[in-house]
Amino acid sequence: SSEVAVVPTVRYGRGSGHILLSNIWCSGEEASLAQCYHGLLYPQD
């Protein structure tokens, strides 16, 4: 579906463990987030 939404943390709570991706940039046509541009895995910011 093209009808999607981004939801802030407050709605579904915080996770635990590692954070894998940050500053992702996708065209929207990719099949996986792995195909989008992103910075270092496990970001510090």
PDB file of all heavy atoms in Angstrom:
ATOM      1  N   SER A   1       0.827  -1.206   0.000  1.00  0.00           N
ATOM      2  CA  SER A   1       0.000   0.000   0.000  1.00  0.00           C
ATOM      3  C   SER A   1       0.863   1.259   0.000  1.00  0.00           C
ATOM      4  O   SER A   1       1.918   1.314   0.631  1.00  0.00           O
ATOM      5  CB  SER A   1      -0.902   0.009   1.240  1.00  0.00           C
ATOM      6  OG  SER A   1      -1.552   1.257   1.355  1.00  0.00           O
ATOM      7  N   SER A   2       0.396   2.273  -0.749  1.00  0.00           N
ATOM      8  CA  SER A   2       1.091   3.570  -0.732  1.00  0.00           C
ATOM      9  C   SER A   2       0.607   4.417   0.432  1.00  0.00           C
ATOM     10  O   SER A   2       1.151   5.481   0.717  1.00  0.00           O
ATOM     11  CB  SER A   2       0.865   4.315  -2.051  1.00  0.00           C
ATOM     12  OG  SER A   2      -0.522   4.530  -2.250  1.00  0.00           O
ATOM     13  N   GLU A   3      -0.441   3.938   1.108  1.00  0.00           N
ATOM     14  CA  GLU A   3      -0.989   4.655   2.258  1.00  0.00           C
ATOM     15  C   GLU A   3      -0.290   4.172   3.523  1.00  0.00           C
ATOM     16  O   GLU A   3      -0.689   3.188   4.148  1.00  0.00           O
ATOM     17  CB  GLU A   3      -2.499   4.408   2.361  1.00  0.00           C
ATOM     18  CG  GLU A   3      -3.287   4.874   1.147  1.00  0.00           C
ATOM     19  CD  GLU A   3      -3.194   6.389   0.976  1.00  0.00           C
ATOM     20  OE1 GLU A   3      -3.122   7.100   2.001  1.00  0.00           O
ATOM     21  OE2 GLU A   3      -3.195   6.855  -0.170  1.00  0.00           O
ATOM     22  N   VAL A   4       0.811   4.848   3.863  1.00  0.00           N
ATOM     23  CA  VAL A   4       1.607   4.463   5.032  1.00  0.00           C
ATOM     24  C   VAL A   4       1.832   5.697   5.909  1.00  0.00           C
ATOM     25  O   VAL A   4       1.616   6.823   5.471  1.00  0.00           O
ATOM     26  CB  VAL A   4       2.968   3.867   4.615  1.00  0.00           C
ATOM     27  CG1 VAL A   4       2.787   2.620   3.767  1.00  0.00           C
ATOM     28  CG2 VAL A   4       3.809   4.904   3.873  1.00  0.00           C
ATOM     29  N   ALA A   5       2.289   5.455   7.113  1.00  0.00           N
ATOM     30  CA  ALA A   5       2.586   6.574   8.012  1.00  0.00           C
ATOM     31  C   ALA A   5       3.765   6.211   8.899  1.00  0.00           C
ATOM     32  O   ALA A   5       3.984   5.041   9.239  1.00  0.00           O
ATOM     33  CB  ALA A   5       1.360   6.906   8.867  1.00  0.00           C
ATOM     34  N   VAL A   6       4.527   7.232   9.248  1.00  0.00           N
ATOM     35  CA  VAL A   6       5.628   7.091  10.204  1.00  0.00           C
ATOM     36  C   VAL A   6       5.094   7.503  11.575  1.00  0.00           C
ATOM     37  O   VAL A   6       4.448   8.547  11.708  1.00  0.00           O
ATOM     38  CB  VAL A   6       6.822   7.973   9.801  1.00  0.00           C
ATOM     39  CG1 VAL A   6       7.956   7.826  10.813  1.00  0.00           C
ATOM     40  CG2 VAL A   6       7.301   7.608   8.404  1.00  0.00           C
ATOM     41  N   VAL A   7       5.378   6.693  12.582  1.00  0.00           N
ATOM     42  CA  VAL A   7       4.802   6.912  13.909  1.00  0.00           C
ATOM     43  C   VAL A   7       5.920   7.129  14.929  1.00  0.00           C
ATOM     44  O   VAL A   7       6.908   6.385  14.933  1.00  0.00           O
ATOM     45  CB  VAL A   7       3.945   5.689  14.319  1.00  0.00           C
ATOM     46  CG1 VAL A   7       3.276   5.932  15.655  1.00  0.00           C
ATOM     47  CG2 VAL A   7       2.913   5.390  13.241  1.00  0.00           C
ATOM     48  N   PRO A   8       5.782   8.141  15.810  1.00  0.00           N
ATOM     49  CA  PRO A   8       6.823   8.385  16.820  1.00  0.00           C
ATOM     50  C   PRO A   8       6.890   7.278  17.864  1.00  0.00           C
ATOM     51  O   PRO A   8       5.952   6.492  18.037  1.00  0.00           O
ATOM     52  CB  PRO A   8       6.394   9.709  17.439  1.00  0.00           C
ATOM     53  CG  PRO A   8       4.922   9.797  17.196  1.00  0.00           C
ATOM     54  CD  PRO A   8       4.691   9.124  15.885  1.00  0.00           C
ATOM     55  N   THR A   9       7.980   7.245  18.586  1.00  0.00           N
ATOM     56  CA  THR A   9       8.255   6.198  19.572  1.00  0.00           C
ATOM     57  C   THR A   9       7.171   6.093  20.632  1.00  0.00           C
ATOM     58  O   THR A   9       6.882   4.989  21.126  1.00  0.00           O
ATOM     59  CB  THR A   9       9.609   6.487  20.259  1.00  0.00           C
ATOM     60  OG1 THR A   9      10.576   6.775  19.258  1.00  0.00           O
ATOM     61  CG2 THR A   9      10.088   5.316  21.088  1.00  0.00           C
ATOM     62  N   VAL A  10       6.589   7.213  20.990  1.00  0.00           N
ATOM     63  CA  VAL A  10       5.629   7.234  22.089  1.00  0.00           C
ATOM     64  C   VAL A  10       4.445   6.293  21.836  1.00  0.00           C
ATOM     65  O   VAL A  10       3.824   5.781  22.769  1.00  0.00           O
ATOM     66  CB  VAL A  10       5.141   8.688  22.355  1.00  0.00           C
ATOM     67  CG1 VAL A  10       4.330   9.223  21.182  1.00  0.00           C
ATOM     68  CG2 VAL A  10       4.355   8.776  23.655  1.00  0.00           C
ATOM     69  N   ARG A  11       4.119   6.010  20.554  1.00  0.00           N
ATOM     70  CA  ARG A  11       2.940   5.190  20.254  1.00  0.00           C
ATOM     71  C   ARG A  11       3.184   3.703  20.495  1.00  0.00           C
ATOM     72  O   ARG A  11       2.339   3.013  21.069  1.00  0.00           O
ATOM     73  CB  ARG A  11       2.508   5.414  18.789  1.00  0.00           C
ATOM     74  CG  ARG A  11       1.288   4.614  18.385  1.00  0.00           C
ATOM     75  CD  ARG A  11       0.063   5.085  19.165  1.00  0.00           C
ATOM     76  NE  ARG A  11      -1.128   4.294  18.869  1.00  0.00           N
ATOM     77  CZ  ARG A  11      -1.450   3.152  19.448  1.00  0.00           C
ATOM     78  NH1 ARG A  11      -0.642   2.637  20.368  1.00  0.00           N
ATOM     79  NH2 ARG A  11      -2.564   2.520  19.138  1.00  0.00           N
ATOM     80  N   TYR A  12       4.317   3.189  20.072  1.00  0.00           N
ATOM     81  CA  TYR A  12       4.557   1.744  20.181  1.00  0.00           C
ATOM     82  C   TYR A  12       5.723   1.398  21.107  1.00  0.00           C
ATOM     83  O   TYR A  12       6.164   0.252  21.157  1.00  0.00           O
ATOM     84  CB  TYR A  12       4.797   1.145  18.789  1.00  0.00           C
ATOM     85  CG  TYR A  12       3.593   1.310  17.883  1.00  0.00           C
ATOM     86  CD1 TYR A  12       3.676   2.099  16.743  1.00  0.00           C
ATOM     87  CD2 TYR A  12       2.388   0.694  18.176  1.00  0.00           C
ATOM     88  CE1 TYR A  12       2.577   2.269  15.916  1.00  0.00           C
ATOM     89  CE2 TYR A  12       1.281   0.854  17.362  1.00  0.00           C
ATOM     90  CZ  TYR A  12       1.366   1.645  16.229  1.00  0.00           C
ATOM     91  OH  TYR A  12       0.274   1.810  15.428  1.00  0.00           O
ATOM     92  N   GLY A  13       6.222   2.385  21.835  1.00  0.00           N
ATOM     93  CA  GLY A  13       7.227   2.145  22.859  1.00  0.00           C
ATOM     94  C   GLY A  13       8.652   1.993  22.339  1.00  0.00           C
ATOM     95  O   GLY A  13       8.902   1.910  21.141  1.00  0.00           O
ATOM     96  N   ARG A  14       9.553   1.968  23.282  1.00  0.00           N
ATOM     97  CA  ARG A  14      10.973   1.824  22.971  1.00  0.00           C
ATOM     98  C   ARG A  14      11.348   0.342  22.889  1.00  0.00           C
ATOM     99  O   ARG A  14      10.829  -0.479  23.641  1.00  0.00           O
ATOM    100  CB  ARG A  14      11.831   2.489  24.044  1.00  0.00           C
ATOM    101  CG  ARG A  14      11.571   3.969  24.238  1.00  0.00           C
ATOM    102  CD  ARG A  14      12.516   4.533  25.262  1.00  0.00           C
ATOM    103  NE  ARG A  14      12.266   5.955  25.507  1.00  0.00           N
ATOM    104  CZ  ARG A  14      13.096   6.763  26.139  1.00  0.00           C
ATOM    105  NH1 ARG A  14      14.239   6.285  26.623  1.00  0.00           N
ATOM    106  NH2 ARG A  14      12.795   8.028  26.316  1.00  0.00           N
ATOM    107  N   GLY A  15      12.304   0.078  21.988  1.00  0.00           N
ATOM    108  CA  GLY A  15      12.827  -1.268  21.900  1.00  0.00           C
ATOM    109  C   GLY A  15      14.014  -1.441  22.832  1.00  0.00           C
ATOM    110  O   GLY A  15      14.265  -0.630  23.736  1.00  0.00           O
ATOM    111  N   SER A  16      14.791  -2.492  22.617  1.00  0.00           N
ATOM    112  CA  SER A  16      16.003  -2.744  23.409  1.00  0.00           C
ATOM    113  C   SER A  16      17.067  -3.322  22.485  1.00  0.00           C
ATOM    114  O   SER A  16      16.810  -3.575  21.310  1.00  0.00           O
ATOM    115  CB  SER A  16      15.694  -3.710  24.562  1.00  0.00           C
ATOM    116  OG  SER A  16      15.202  -4.942  24.044  1.00  0.00           O
ATOM    117  N   GLY A  17      18.237  -3.534  23.020  1.00  0.00           N
ATOM    118  CA  GLY A  17      19.329  -4.052  22.185  1.00  0.00           C
ATOM    119  C   GLY A  17      19.906  -2.986  21.278  1.00  0.00           C
ATOM    120  O   GLY A  17      19.905  -1.804  21.613  1.00  0.00           O
ATOM    121  N   HIS A  18      20.361  -3.384  20.102  1.00  0.00           N
ATOM    122  CA  HIS A  18      21.017  -2.456  19.187  1.00  0.00           C
ATOM    123  C   HIS A  18      20.034  -1.706  18.295  1.00  0.00           C
ATOM    124  O   HIS A  18      18.930  -2.185  18.027  1.00  0.00           O
ATOM    125  CB  HIS A  18      22.019  -3.209  18.289  1.00  0.00           C
ATOM    126  CG  HIS A  18      23.236  -3.671  19.018  1.00  0.00           C
ATOM    127  ND1 HIS A  18      23.532  -4.995  19.190  1.00  0.00           N
ATOM    128  CD2 HIS A  18      24.220  -2.970  19.630  1.00  0.00           C
ATOM    129  CE1 HIS A  18      24.667  -5.107  19.873  1.00  0.00           C
ATOM    130  NE2 HIS A  18      25.093  -3.898  20.159  1.00  0.00           N
ATOM    131  N   ILE A  19      20.447  -0.526  17.854  1.00  0.00           N
ATOM    132  CA  ILE A  19      19.761   0.221  16.804  1.00  0.00           C
ATOM    133  C   ILE A  19      20.576  -0.011  15.532  1.00  0.00           C
ATOM    134  O   ILE A  19      21.766   0.257  15.509  1.00  0.00           O
ATOM    135  CB  ILE A  19      19.692   1.722  17.125  1.00  0.00           C
ATOM    136  CG1 ILE A  19      18.924   1.930  18.430  1.00  0.00           C
ATOM    137  CG2 ILE A  19      19.036   2.494  15.980  1.00  0.00           C
ATOM    138  CD1 ILE A  19      19.022   3.335  18.983  1.00  0.00           C
ATOM    139  N   LEU A  20      19.955  -0.519  14.485  1.00  0.00           N
ATOM    140  CA  LEU A  20      20.715  -0.927  13.299  1.00  0.00           C
ATOM    141  C   LEU A  20      20.933   0.200  12.291  1.00  0.00           C
ATOM    142  O   LEU A  20      22.035   0.351  11.761  1.00  0.00           O
ATOM    143  CB  LEU A  20      20.006  -2.091  12.597  1.00  0.00           C
ATOM    144  CG  LEU A  20      20.722  -2.638  11.357  1.00  0.00           C
ATOM    145  CD1 LEU A  20      22.049  -3.282  11.737  1.00  0.00           C
ATOM    146  CD2 LEU A  20      19.837  -3.631  10.610  1.00  0.00           C
ATOM    147  N   LEU A  21      19.883   0.968  12.000  1.00  0.00           N
ATOM    148  CA  LEU A  21      19.946   1.924  10.895  1.00  0.00           C
ATOM    149  C   LEU A  21      19.564   3.332  11.330  1.00  0.00           C
ATOM    150  O   LEU A  21      18.681   3.513  12.177  1.00  0.00           O
ATOM    151  CB  LEU A  21      19.006   1.485   9.764  1.00  0.00           C
ATOM    152  CG  LEU A  21      19.305   0.166   9.058  1.00  0.00           C
ATOM    153  CD1 LEU A  21      18.132  -0.245   8.195  1.00  0.00           C
ATOM    154  CD2 LEU A  21      20.572   0.290   8.218  1.00  0.00           C
ATOM    155  N   SER A  22      20.207   4.318  10.703  1.00  0.00           N
ATOM    156  CA  SER A  22      19.868   5.731  10.911  1.00  0.00           C
ATOM    157  C   SER A  22      20.150   6.484   9.620  1.00  0.00           C
ATOM    158  O   SER A  22      20.959   6.046   8.798  1.00  0.00           O
ATOM    159  CB  SER A  22      20.701   6.321  12.055  1.00  0.00           C
ATOM    160  OG  SER A  22      20.439   7.697  12.212  1.00  0.00           O
ATOM    161  N   ASN A  23      19.480   7.624   9.456  1.00  0.00           N
ATOM    162  CA  ASN A  23      19.705   8.472   8.281  1.00  0.00           C
ATOM    163  C   ASN A  23      19.580   7.685   6.976  1.00  0.00           C
ATOM    164  O   ASN A  23      20.426   7.753   6.090  1.00  0.00           O
ATOM    165  CB  ASN A  23      21.083   9.146   8.353  1.00  0.00           C
ATOM    166  CG  ASN A  23      21.191  10.088   9.534  1.00  0.00           C
ATOM    167  OD1 ASN A  23      20.341  10.960   9.715  1.00  0.00           O
ATOM    168  ND2 ASN A  23      22.211   9.906  10.353  1.00  0.00           N
ATOM    169  N   ILE A  24      18.489   6.919   6.885  1.00  0.00           N
ATOM    170  CA  ILE A  24      18.216   6.140   5.677  1.00  0.00           C
ATOM    171  C   ILE A  24      17.625   7.055   4.605  1.00  0.00           C
ATOM    172  O   ILE A  24      16.858   7.969   4.921  1.00  0.00           O
ATOM    173  CB  ILE A  24      17.209   5.009   5.969  1.00  0.00           C
ATOM    174  CG1 ILE A  24      17.673   4.189   7.173  1.00  0.00           C
ATOM    175  CG2 ILE A  24      17.043   4.096   4.769  1.00  0.00           C
ATOM    176  CD1 ILE A  24      16.655   3.161   7.611  1.00  0.00           C
ATOM    177  N   TRP A  25      17.993   6.794   3.365  1.00  0.00           N
ATOM    178  CA  TRP A  25      17.379   7.515   2.238  1.00  0.00           C
ATOM    179  C   TRP A  25      16.976   6.492   1.185  1.00  0.00           C
ATOM    180  O   TRP A  25      17.801   5.765   0.642  1.00  0.00           O
ATOM    181  CB  TRP A  25      18.332   8.529   1.627  1.00  0.00           C
ATOM    182  CG  TRP A  25      17.652   9.343   0.569  1.00  0.00           C
ATOM    183  CD1 TRP A  25      16.993  10.509   0.739  1.00  0.00           C
ATOM    184  CD2 TRP A  25      17.554   9.012  -0.831  1.00  0.00           C
ATOM    185  NE1 TRP A  25      16.467  10.955  -0.448  1.00  0.00           N
ATOM    186  CE2 TRP A  25      16.789  10.053  -1.428  1.00  0.00           C
ATOM    187  CE3 TRP A  25      17.990   7.955  -1.616  1.00  0.00           C
ATOM    188  CZ2 TRP A  25      16.489  10.058  -2.795  1.00  0.00           C
ATOM    189  CZ3 TRP A  25      17.679   7.958  -2.968  1.00  0.00           C
ATOM    190  CH2 TRP A  25      16.943   9.004  -3.545  1.00  0.00           C
ATOM    191  N   CYS A  26      15.669   6.423   0.918  1.00  0.00           N
ATOM    192  CA  CYS A  26      15.135   5.503  -0.090  1.00  0.00           C
ATOM    193  C   CYS A  26      14.431   6.295  -1.188  1.00  0.00           C
ATOM    194  O   CYS A  26      13.927   7.405  -0.945  1.00  0.00           O
ATOM    195  CB  CYS A  26      14.115   4.549   0.530  1.00  0.00           C
ATOM    196  SG  CYS A  26      14.714   3.539   1.918  1.00  0.00           S
ATOM    197  N   SER A  27      14.377   5.729  -2.372  1.00  0.00           N
ATOM    198  CA  SER A  27      13.573   6.332  -3.441  1.00  0.00           C
ATOM    199  C   SER A  27      12.104   5.959  -3.264  1.00  0.00           C
ATOM    200  O   SER A  27      11.213   6.620  -3.786  1.00  0.00           O
ATOM    201  CB  SER A  27      14.063   5.845  -4.810  1.00  0.00           C
ATOM    202  OG  SER A  27      13.734   4.470  -4.990  1.00  0.00           O
ATOM    203  N   GLY A  28      11.867   4.884  -2.519  1.00  0.00           N
ATOM    204  CA  GLY A  28      10.509   4.402  -2.300  1.00  0.00           C
ATOM    205  C   GLY A  28      10.172   3.187  -3.135  1.00  0.00           C
ATOM    206  O   GLY A  28       9.151   2.538  -2.923  1.00  0.00           O
ATOM    207  N   GLU A  29      11.053   2.874  -4.091  1.00  0.00           N
ATOM    208  CA  GLU A  29      10.805   1.747  -5.003  1.00  0.00           C
ATOM    209  C   GLU A  29      11.577   0.493  -4.622  1.00  0.00           C
ATOM    210  O   GLU A  29      11.396  -0.565  -5.216  1.00  0.00           O
ATOM    211  CB  GLU A  29      11.167   2.144  -6.442  1.00  0.00           C
ATOM    212  CG  GLU A  29      10.460   3.394  -6.954  1.00  0.00           C
ATOM    213  CD  GLU A  29       8.945   3.274  -6.867  1.00  0.00           C
ATOM    214  OE1 GLU A  29       8.426   2.184  -7.208  1.00  0.00           O
ATOM    215  OE2 GLU A  29       8.289   4.242  -6.442  1.00  0.00           O
ATOM    216  N   GLU A  30      12.469   0.583  -3.634  1.00  0.00           N
ATOM    217  CA  GLU A  30      13.307  -0.555  -3.264  1.00  0.00           C
ATOM    218  C   GLU A  30      12.474  -1.684  -2.651  1.00  0.00           C
ATOM    219  O   GLU A  30      11.381  -1.465  -2.098  1.00  0.00           O
ATOM    220  CB  GLU A  30      14.383  -0.127  -2.254  1.00  0.00           C
ATOM    221  CG  GLU A  30      15.392   0.878  -2.785  1.00  0.00           C
ATOM    222  CD  GLU A  30      14.945   2.325  -2.659  1.00  0.00           C
ATOM    223  OE1 GLU A  30      13.777   2.575  -2.270  1.00  0.00           O
ATOM    224  OE2 GLU A  30      15.759   3.216  -2.949  1.00  0.00           O
ATOM    225  N   ALA A  31      12.991  -2.901  -2.727  1.00  0.00           N
ATOM    226  CA  ALA A  31      12.319  -4.063  -2.146  1.00  0.00           C
ATOM    227  C   ALA A  31      12.695  -4.254  -0.681  1.00  0.00           C
ATOM    228  O   ALA A  31      11.997  -4.943   0.057  1.00  0.00           O
ATOM    229  CB  ALA A  31      12.686  -5.321  -2.928  1.00  0.00           C
ATOM    230  N   SER A  32      13.830  -3.637  -0.266  1.00  0.00           N
ATOM    231  CA  SER A  32      14.307  -3.812   1.100  1.00  0.00           C
ATOM    232  C   SER A  32      15.057  -2.564   1.558  1.00  0.00           C
ATOM    233  O   SER A  32      15.670  -1.862   0.739  1.00  0.00           O
ATOM    234  CB  SER A  32      15.233  -5.028   1.183  1.00  0.00           C
ATOM    235  OG  SER A  32      15.931  -5.064   2.412  1.00  0.00           O
ATOM    236  N   LEU A  33      15.025  -2.287   2.846  1.00  0.00           N
ATOM    237  CA  LEU A  33      15.802  -1.162   3.406  1.00  0.00           C
ATOM    238  C   LEU A  33      17.299  -1.358   3.168  1.00  0.00           C
ATOM    239  O   LEU A  33      18.056  -0.390   3.147  1.00  0.00           O
ATOM    240  CB  LEU A  33      15.524  -1.029   4.905  1.00  0.00           C
ATOM    241  CG  LEU A  33      14.121  -0.550   5.292  1.00  0.00           C
ATOM    242  CD1 LEU A  33      13.928  -0.623   6.806  1.00  0.00           C
ATOM    243  CD2 LEU A  33      13.867   0.870   4.792  1.00  0.00           C
ATOM    244  N   ALA A  34      17.728  -2.607   2.977  1.00  0.00           N
ATOM    245  CA  ALA A  34      19.144  -2.887   2.714  1.00  0.00           C
ATOM    246  C   ALA A  34      19.599  -2.266   1.400  1.00  0.00           C
ATOM    247  O   ALA A  34      20.791  -2.008   1.200  1.00  0.00           O
ATOM    248  CB  ALA A  34      19.388  -4.392   2.677  1.00  0.00           C
ATOM    249  N   GLN A  35      18.649  -1.994   0.491  1.00  0.00           N
ATOM    250  CA  GLN A  35      18.996  -1.416  -0.811  1.00  0.00           C
ATOM    251  C   GLN A  35      19.016   0.117  -0.777  1.00  0.00           C
ATOM    252  O   GLN A  35      19.408   0.754  -1.745  1.00  0.00           O
ATOM    253  CB  GLN A  35      17.980  -1.891  -1.859  1.00  0.00           C
ATOM    254  CG  GLN A  35      18.003  -3.392  -2.079  1.00  0.00           C
ATOM    255  CD  GLN A  35      16.823  -3.879  -2.909  1.00  0.00           C
ATOM    256  OE1 GLN A  35      15.967  -3.098  -3.303  1.00  0.00           O
ATOM    257  NE2 GLN A  35      16.787  -5.172  -3.172  1.00  0.00           N
ATOM    258  N   CYS A  36      18.564   0.702   0.317  1.00  0.00           N
ATOM    259  CA  CYS A  36      18.551   2.168   0.453  1.00  0.00           C
ATOM    260  C   CYS A  36      19.905   2.654   0.951  1.00  0.00           C
ATOM    261  O   CYS A  36      20.666   1.913   1.582  1.00  0.00           O
ATOM    262  CB  CYS A  36      17.470   2.599   1.449  1.00  0.00           C
ATOM    263  SG  CYS A  36      15.800   2.077   1.005  1.00  0.00           S
ATOM    264  N   TYR A  37      20.179   3.930   0.688  1.00  0.00           N
ATOM    265  CA  TYR A  37      21.421   4.507   1.222  1.00  0.00           C
ATOM    266  C   TYR A  37      21.265   4.709   2.726  1.00  0.00           C
ATOM    267  O   TYR A  37      20.208   5.124   3.219  1.00  0.00           O
ATOM    268  CB  TYR A  37      21.723   5.853   0.556  1.00  0.00           C
ATOM    269  CG  TYR A  37      22.898   6.534   1.209  1.00  0.00           C
ATOM    270  CD1 TYR A  37      24.199   6.179   0.870  1.00  0.00           C
ATOM    271  CD2 TYR A  37      22.704   7.480   2.207  1.00  0.00           C
ATOM    272  CE1 TYR A  37      25.287   6.761   1.501  1.00  0.00           C
ATOM    273  CE2 TYR A  37      23.793   8.067   2.847  1.00  0.00           C
ATOM    274  CZ  TYR A  37      25.076   7.701   2.492  1.00  0.00           C
ATOM    275  OH  TYR A  37      26.143   8.267   3.134  1.00  0.00           O
ATOM    276  N   HIS A  38      22.327   4.408   3.453  1.00  0.00           N
ATOM    277  CA  HIS A  38      22.322   4.658   4.897  1.00  0.00           C
ATOM    278  C   HIS A  38      23.749   4.852   5.373  1.00  0.00           C
ATOM    279  O   HIS A  38      24.714   4.515   4.679  1.00  0.00           O
ATOM    280  CB  HIS A  38      21.665   3.484   5.646  1.00  0.00           C
ATOM    281  CG  HIS A  38      22.298   2.155   5.354  1.00  0.00           C
ATOM    282  ND1 HIS A  38      23.484   1.743   5.936  1.00  0.00           N
ATOM    283  CD2 HIS A  38      21.926   1.152   4.515  1.00  0.00           C
ATOM    284  CE1 HIS A  38      23.797   0.545   5.486  1.00  0.00           C
ATOM    285  NE2 HIS A  38      22.874   0.161   4.610  1.00  0.00           N
ATOM    286  N   GLY A  39      23.905   5.422   6.528  1.00  0.00           N
ATOM    287  CA  GLY A  39      25.232   5.624   7.107  1.00  0.00           C
ATOM    288  C   GLY A  39      25.750   4.338   7.722  1.00  0.00           C
ATOM    289  O   GLY A  39      25.318   3.229   7.378  1.00  0.00           O
ATOM    290  N   LEU A  40      26.669   4.470   8.672  1.00  0.00           N
ATOM    291  CA  LEU A  40      27.232   3.309   9.361  1.00  0.00           C
ATOM    292  C   LEU A  40      26.127   2.516  10.045  1.00  0.00           C
ATOM    293  O   LEU A  40      25.177   3.098  10.587  1.00  0.00           O
ATOM    294  CB  LEU A  40      28.243   3.763  10.417  1.00  0.00           C
ATOM    295  CG  LEU A  40      29.516   4.457   9.941  1.00  0.00           C
ATOM    296  CD1 LEU A  40      30.256   5.044  11.134  1.00  0.00           C
ATOM    297  CD2 LEU A  40      30.411   3.482   9.204  1.00  0.00           C
ATOM    298  N   LEU A  41      26.247   1.196  10.027  1.00  0.00           N
ATOM    299  CA  LEU A  41      25.333   0.376  10.815  1.00  0.00           C
ATOM    300  C   LEU A  41      25.626   0.576  12.297  1.00  0.00           C
ATOM    301  O   LEU A  41      26.749   0.885  12.685  1.00  0.00           O
ATOM    302  CB  LEU A  41      25.495  -1.100  10.447  1.00  0.00           C
ATOM    303  CG  LEU A  41      25.151  -1.495   8.997  1.00  0.00           C
ATOM    304  CD1 LEU A  41      25.243  -3.007   8.826  1.00  0.00           C
ATOM    305  CD2 LEU A  41      23.767  -1.011   8.597  1.00  0.00           C
ATOM    306  N   TYR A  42      24.625   0.395  13.127  1.00  0.00           N
ATOM    307  CA  TYR A  42      24.728   0.596  14.569  1.00  0.00           C
ATOM    308  C   TYR A  42      25.196   2.020  14.888  1.00  0.00           C
ATOM    309  O   TYR A  42      26.245   2.223  15.492  1.00  0.00           O
ATOM    310  CB  TYR A  42      25.650  -0.443  15.203  1.00  0.00           C
ATOM    311  CG  TYR A  42      25.269  -1.862  14.861  1.00  0.00           C
ATOM    312  CD1 TYR A  42      25.968  -2.573  13.885  1.00  0.00           C
ATOM    313  CD2 TYR A  42      24.198  -2.481  15.486  1.00  0.00           C
ATOM    314  CE1 TYR A  42      25.597  -3.876  13.547  1.00  0.00           C
ATOM    315  CE2 TYR A  42      23.820  -3.790  15.149  1.00  0.00           C
ATOM    316  CZ  TYR A  42      24.525  -4.473  14.179  1.00  0.00           C
ATOM    317  OH  TYR A  42      24.160  -5.755  13.850  1.00  0.00           O
ATOM    318  N   PRO A  43      24.421   3.033  14.474  1.00  0.00           N
ATOM    319  CA  PRO A  43      24.849   4.437  14.612  1.00  0.00           C
ATOM    320  C   PRO A  43      24.960   4.876  16.072  1.00  0.00           C
ATOM    321  O   PRO A  43      24.290   4.328  16.959  1.00  0.00           O
ATOM    322  CB  PRO A  43      23.720   5.199  13.912  1.00  0.00           C
ATOM    323  CG  PRO A  43      22.523   4.309  14.069  1.00  0.00           C
ATOM    324  CD  PRO A  43      23.056   2.912  13.944  1.00  0.00           C
ATOM    325  N   GLN A  44      25.793   5.900  16.280  1.00  0.00           N
ATOM    326  CA  GLN A  44      25.987   6.436  17.624  1.00  0.00           C
ATOM    327  C   GLN A  44      25.052   7.595  17.936  1.00  0.00           C
ATOM    328  O   GLN A  44      24.921   7.985  19.093  1.00  0.00           O
ATOM    329  CB  GLN A  44      27.440   6.922  17.774  1.00  0.00           C
ATOM    330  CG  GLN A  44      28.473   5.835  17.583  1.00  0.00           C
ATOM    331  CD  GLN A  44      29.855   6.284  17.992  1.00  0.00           C
ATOM    332  OE1 GLN A  44      30.060   6.745  19.107  1.00  0.00           O
ATOM    333  NE2 GLN A  44      30.818   6.162  17.098  1.00  0.00           N
ATOM    334  N   ASP A  45      24.435   8.157  16.902  1.00  0.00           N
ATOM    335  CA  ASP A  45      23.675   9.399  17.106  1.00  0.00           C
ATOM    336  C   ASP A  45      22.208   9.155  17.433  1.00  0.00           C
ATOM    337  O   ASP A  45      21.373  10.031  17.270  1.00  0.00           O
ATOM    338  CB  ASP A  45      23.785  10.290  15.859  1.00  0.00           C
ATOM    339  CG  ASP A  45      23.189   9.643  14.613  1.00  0.00           C
ATOM    340  OD1 ASP A  45      22.942   8.424  14.634  1.00  0.00           O
ATOM    341  OD2 ASP A  45      22.962  10.361  13.619  1.00  0.00           O
TER     342      ASP A  45
END
